[in-house]
Amino acid sequence: MKDKIITRNFCCIFLALFFVSNIMYMLMSTMSEYTTALGASPMGAGMGTGI
């Protein structure tokens, strides 16, 4: 008998990682605005966001 891939644990872990990655990308897009408001150059803000 084959083991099921889509289990309750799989769905919970998938949803948790999905939300964490979404939050990371949302924060990355606002970080450059925040750093330029603090006085960083646009190039420095872009480099900091990309790294």
PDB file of N, CA and C in Angstrom:
ATOM      1  N   MET A   1       0.837  -1.178   0.000  1.00  0.00           N
ATOM      2  CA  MET A   1       0.000   0.000   0.000  1.00  0.00           C
ATOM      3  C   MET A   1       0.886   1.246   0.000  1.00  0.00           C
ATOM      4  N   LYS A   2       0.540   2.201  -0.844  1.00  0.00           N
ATOM      5  CA  LYS A   2       1.328   3.424  -0.938  1.00  0.00           C
ATOM      6  C   LYS A   2       0.961   4.393   0.181  1.00  0.00           C
ATOM      7  N   ASP A   3       1.961   5.095   0.648  1.00  0.00           N
ATOM      8  CA  ASP A   3       1.714   6.142   1.640  1.00  0.00           C
ATOM      9  C   ASP A   3       1.165   7.382   0.949  1.00  0.00           C
ATOM     10  N   LYS A   4       0.267   8.065   1.611  1.00  0.00           N
ATOM     11  CA  LYS A   4      -0.293   9.292   1.060  1.00  0.00           C
ATOM     12  C   LYS A   4       0.709  10.432   1.229  1.00  0.00           C
ATOM     13  N   ILE A   5       0.795  11.261   0.199  1.00  0.00           N
ATOM     14  CA  ILE A   5       1.675  12.421   0.271  1.00  0.00           C
ATOM     15  C   ILE A   5       0.946  13.587   0.937  1.00  0.00           C
ATOM     16  N   ILE A   6      -0.291  13.811   0.541  1.00  0.00           N
ATOM     17  CA  ILE A   6      -1.074  14.912   1.085  1.00  0.00           C
ATOM     18  C   ILE A   6      -1.716  14.469   2.400  1.00  0.00           C
ATOM     19  N   THR A   7      -1.023  14.793   3.486  1.00  0.00           N
ATOM     20  CA  THR A   7      -1.540  14.467   4.810  1.00  0.00           C
ATOM     21  C   THR A   7      -1.820  15.764   5.562  1.00  0.00           C
ATOM     22  N   ARG A   8      -2.336  15.629   6.758  1.00  0.00           N
ATOM     23  CA  ARG A   8      -2.638  16.819   7.559  1.00  0.00           C
ATOM     24  C   ARG A   8      -1.348  17.564   7.912  1.00  0.00           C
ATOM     25  N   ASN A   9      -0.296  16.833   8.253  1.00  0.00           N
ATOM     26  CA  ASN A   9       0.988  17.465   8.572  1.00  0.00           C
ATOM     27  C   ASN A   9       1.559  18.196   7.369  1.00  0.00           C
ATOM     28  N   PHE A  10       1.462  17.586   6.199  1.00  0.00           N
ATOM     29  CA  PHE A  10       1.962  18.211   4.986  1.00  0.00           C
ATOM     30  C   PHE A  10       1.242  19.524   4.730  1.00  0.00           C
ATOM     31  N   CYS A  11      -0.086  19.516   4.867  1.00  0.00           N
ATOM     32  CA  CYS A  11      -0.867  20.732   4.613  1.00  0.00           C
ATOM     33  C   CYS A  11      -0.535  21.824   5.623  1.00  0.00           C
ATOM     34  N   CYS A  12      -0.366  21.466   6.885  1.00  0.00           N
ATOM     35  CA  CYS A  12      -0.036  22.454   7.911  1.00  0.00           C
ATOM     36  C   CYS A  12       1.337  23.074   7.660  1.00  0.00           C
ATOM     37  N   ILE A  13       2.311  22.241   7.343  1.00  0.00           N
ATOM     38  CA  ILE A  13       3.656  22.745   7.082  1.00  0.00           C
ATOM     39  C   ILE A  13       3.666  23.593   5.817  1.00  0.00           C
ATOM     40  N   PHE A  14       2.968  23.164   4.778  1.00  0.00           N
ATOM     41  CA  PHE A  14       2.910  23.923   3.539  1.00  0.00           C
ATOM     42  C   PHE A  14       2.293  25.295   3.769  1.00  0.00           C
ATOM     43  N   LEU A  15       1.189  25.366   4.488  1.00  0.00           N
ATOM     44  CA  LEU A  15       0.540  26.654   4.752  1.00  0.00           C
ATOM     45  C   LEU A  15       1.419  27.556   5.607  1.00  0.00           C
ATOM     46  N   ALA A  16       2.087  26.989   6.596  1.00  0.00           N
ATOM     47  CA  ALA A  16       2.968  27.799   7.443  1.00  0.00           C
ATOM     48  C   ALA A  16       4.110  28.395   6.623  1.00  0.00           C
ATOM     49  N   LEU A  17       4.750  27.589   5.795  1.00  0.00           N
ATOM     50  CA  LEU A  17       5.844  28.091   4.963  1.00  0.00           C
ATOM     51  C   LEU A  17       5.351  29.079   3.915  1.00  0.00           C
ATOM     52  N   PHE A  18       4.151  28.868   3.395  1.00  0.00           N
ATOM     53  CA  PHE A  18       3.574  29.784   2.421  1.00  0.00           C
ATOM     54  C   PHE A  18       3.369  31.166   3.040  1.00  0.00           C
ATOM     55  N   PHE A  19       2.811  31.210   4.247  1.00  0.00           N
ATOM     56  CA  PHE A  19       2.577  32.498   4.905  1.00  0.00           C
ATOM     57  C   PHE A  19       3.884  33.169   5.306  1.00  0.00           C
ATOM     58  N   VAL A  20       4.845  32.401   5.761  1.00  0.00           N
ATOM     59  CA  VAL A  20       6.132  32.975   6.138  1.00  0.00           C
ATOM     60  C   VAL A  20       6.822  33.576   4.920  1.00  0.00           C
ATOM     61  N   SER A  21       6.809  32.892   3.795  1.00  0.00           N
ATOM     62  CA  SER A  21       7.452  33.432   2.594  1.00  0.00           C
ATOM     63  C   SER A  21       6.713  34.656   2.077  1.00  0.00           C
ATOM     64  N   ASN A  22       5.392  34.671   2.152  1.00  0.00           N
ATOM     65  CA  ASN A  22       4.645  35.859   1.740  1.00  0.00           C
ATOM     66  C   ASN A  22       4.989  37.062   2.598  1.00  0.00           C
ATOM     67  N   ILE A  23       5.077  36.859   3.901  1.00  0.00           N
ATOM     68  CA  ILE A  23       5.424  37.963   4.800  1.00  0.00           C
ATOM     69  C   ILE A  23       6.837  38.455   4.513  1.00  0.00           C
ATOM     70  N   MET A  24       7.768  37.543   4.240  1.00  0.00           N
ATOM     71  CA  MET A  24       9.132  37.941   3.925  1.00  0.00           C
ATOM     72  C   MET A  24       9.170  38.821   2.686  1.00  0.00           C
ATOM     73  N   TYR A  25       8.460  38.438   1.624  1.00  0.00           N
ATOM     74  CA  TYR A  25       8.471  39.233   0.405  1.00  0.00           C
ATOM     75  C   TYR A  25       7.748  40.561   0.586  1.00  0.00           C
ATOM     76  N   MET A  26       6.718  40.613   1.420  1.00  0.00           N
ATOM     77  CA  MET A  26       6.053  41.883   1.698  1.00  0.00           C
ATOM     78  C   MET A  26       6.971  42.821   2.468  1.00  0.00           C
ATOM     79  N   LEU A  27       7.703  42.286   3.431  1.00  0.00           N
ATOM     80  CA  LEU A  27       8.624  43.121   4.192  1.00  0.00           C
ATOM     81  C   LEU A  27       9.805  43.576   3.346  1.00  0.00           C
ATOM     82  N   MET A  28      10.265  42.734   2.424  1.00  0.00           N
ATOM     83  CA  MET A  28      11.368  43.132   1.558  1.00  0.00           C
ATOM     84  C   MET A  28      10.992  44.325   0.695  1.00  0.00           C
ATOM     85  N   SER A  29       9.758  44.368   0.225  1.00  0.00           N
ATOM     86  CA  SER A  29       9.364  45.469  -0.649  1.00  0.00           C
ATOM     87  C   SER A  29       9.203  46.776   0.124  1.00  0.00           C
ATOM     88  N   THR A  30       8.889  46.721   1.409  1.00  0.00           N
ATOM     89  CA  THR A  30       8.750  47.948   2.189  1.00  0.00           C
ATOM     90  C   THR A  30      10.051  48.369   2.861  1.00  0.00           C
ATOM     91  N   MET A  31      11.024  47.472   2.938  1.00  0.00           N
ATOM     92  CA  MET A  31      12.278  47.809   3.599  1.00  0.00           C
ATOM     93  C   MET A  31      13.023  48.914   2.870  1.00  0.00           C
ATOM     94  N   SER A  32      12.984  48.942   1.563  1.00  0.00           N
ATOM     95  CA  SER A  32      13.699  49.986   0.833  1.00  0.00           C
ATOM     96  C   SER A  32      13.084  51.358   1.099  1.00  0.00           C
ATOM     97  N   GLU A  33      11.777  51.436   1.199  1.00  0.00           N
ATOM     98  CA  GLU A  33      11.128  52.714   1.536  1.00  0.00           C
ATOM     99  C   GLU A  33      11.525  53.163   2.938  1.00  0.00           C
ATOM    100  N   TYR A  34      11.591  52.229   3.851  1.00  0.00           N
ATOM    101  CA  TYR A  34      11.952  52.546   5.231  1.00  0.00           C
ATOM    102  C   TYR A  34      13.394  53.038   5.317  1.00  0.00           C
ATOM    103  N   THR A  35      14.303  52.393   4.613  1.00  0.00           N
ATOM    104  CA  THR A  35      15.707  52.797   4.699  1.00  0.00           C
ATOM    105  C   THR A  35      15.938  54.138   4.010  1.00  0.00           C
ATOM    106  N   THR A  36      15.237  54.429   2.935  1.00  0.00           N
ATOM    107  CA  THR A  36      15.390  55.748   2.319  1.00  0.00           C
ATOM    108  C   THR A  36      14.801  56.832   3.219  1.00  0.00           C
ATOM    109  N   ALA A  37      13.769  56.520   3.984  1.00  0.00           N
ATOM    110  CA  ALA A  37      13.215  57.495   4.936  1.00  0.00           C
ATOM    111  C   ALA A  37      14.201  57.771   6.070  1.00  0.00           C
ATOM    112  N   LEU A  38      15.048  56.803   6.370  1.00  0.00           N
ATOM    113  CA  LEU A  38      16.059  57.000   7.409  1.00  0.00           C
ATOM    114  C   LEU A  38      17.289  57.737   6.886  1.00  0.00           C
ATOM    115  N   GLY A  39      17.351  57.985   5.580  1.00  0.00           N
ATOM    116  CA  GLY A  39      18.451  58.758   5.020  1.00  0.00           C
ATOM    117  C   GLY A  39      19.397  57.989   4.128  1.00  0.00           C
ATOM    118  N   ALA A  40      19.123  56.759   3.825  1.00  0.00           N
ATOM    119  CA  ALA A  40      19.999  55.989   2.943  1.00  0.00           C
ATOM    120  C   ALA A  40      19.753  56.395   1.488  1.00  0.00           C
ATOM    121  N   SER A  41      20.763  56.217   0.671  1.00  0.00           N
ATOM    122  CA  SER A  41      20.601  56.514  -0.750  1.00  0.00           C
ATOM    123  C   SER A  41      19.735  55.420  -1.389  1.00  0.00           C
ATOM    124  N   PRO A  42      19.088  55.744  -2.503  1.00  0.00           N
ATOM    125  CA  PRO A  42      18.280  54.703  -3.156  1.00  0.00           C
ATOM    126  C   PRO A  42      19.104  53.482  -3.568  1.00  0.00           C
ATOM    127  N   MET A  43      20.365  53.716  -3.970  1.00  0.00           N
ATOM    128  CA  MET A  43      21.197  52.578  -4.345  1.00  0.00           C
ATOM    129  C   MET A  43      21.506  51.699  -3.125  1.00  0.00           C
ATOM    130  N   GLY A  44      21.825  52.337  -2.014  1.00  0.00           N
ATOM    131  CA  GLY A  44      22.088  51.584  -0.785  1.00  0.00           C
ATOM    132  C   GLY A  44      20.870  50.840  -0.283  1.00  0.00           C
ATOM    133  N   ALA A  45      19.696  51.478  -0.419  1.00  0.00           N
ATOM    134  CA  ALA A  45      18.470  50.814   0.012  1.00  0.00           C
ATOM    135  C   ALA A  45      18.184  49.607  -0.864  1.00  0.00           C
ATOM    136  N   GLY A  46      18.407  49.725  -2.148  1.00  0.00           N
ATOM    137  CA  GLY A  46      18.196  48.594  -3.059  1.00  0.00           C
ATOM    138  C   GLY A  46      19.173  47.464  -2.799  1.00  0.00           C
ATOM    139  N   MET A  47      20.416  47.834  -2.528  1.00  0.00           N
ATOM    140  CA  MET A  47      21.419  46.797  -2.223  1.00  0.00           C
ATOM    141  C   MET A  47      21.073  46.085  -0.921  1.00  0.00           C
ATOM    142  N   GLY A  48      20.648  46.847   0.088  1.00  0.00           N
ATOM    143  CA  GLY A  48      20.290  46.238   1.364  1.00  0.00           C
ATOM    144  C   GLY A  48      19.077  45.348   1.257  1.00  0.00           C
ATOM    145  N   THR A  49      18.140  45.725   0.432  1.00  0.00           N
ATOM    146  CA  THR A  49      16.945  44.917   0.250  1.00  0.00           C
ATOM    147  C   THR A  49      17.253  43.644  -0.532  1.00  0.00           C
ATOM    148  N   GLY A  50      18.113  43.749  -1.520  1.00  0.00           N
ATOM    149  CA  GLY A  50      18.453  42.601  -2.356  1.00  0.00           C
ATOM    150  C   GLY A  50      19.308  41.576  -1.654  1.00  0.00           C
ATOM    151  N   ILE A  51      20.066  42.024  -0.690  1.00  0.00           N
ATOM    152  CA  ILE A  51      20.972  41.104   0.017  1.00  0.00           C
ATOM    153  C   ILE A  51      20.253  40.586   1.180  1.00  0.00           C
TER     154      ILE A  51
END
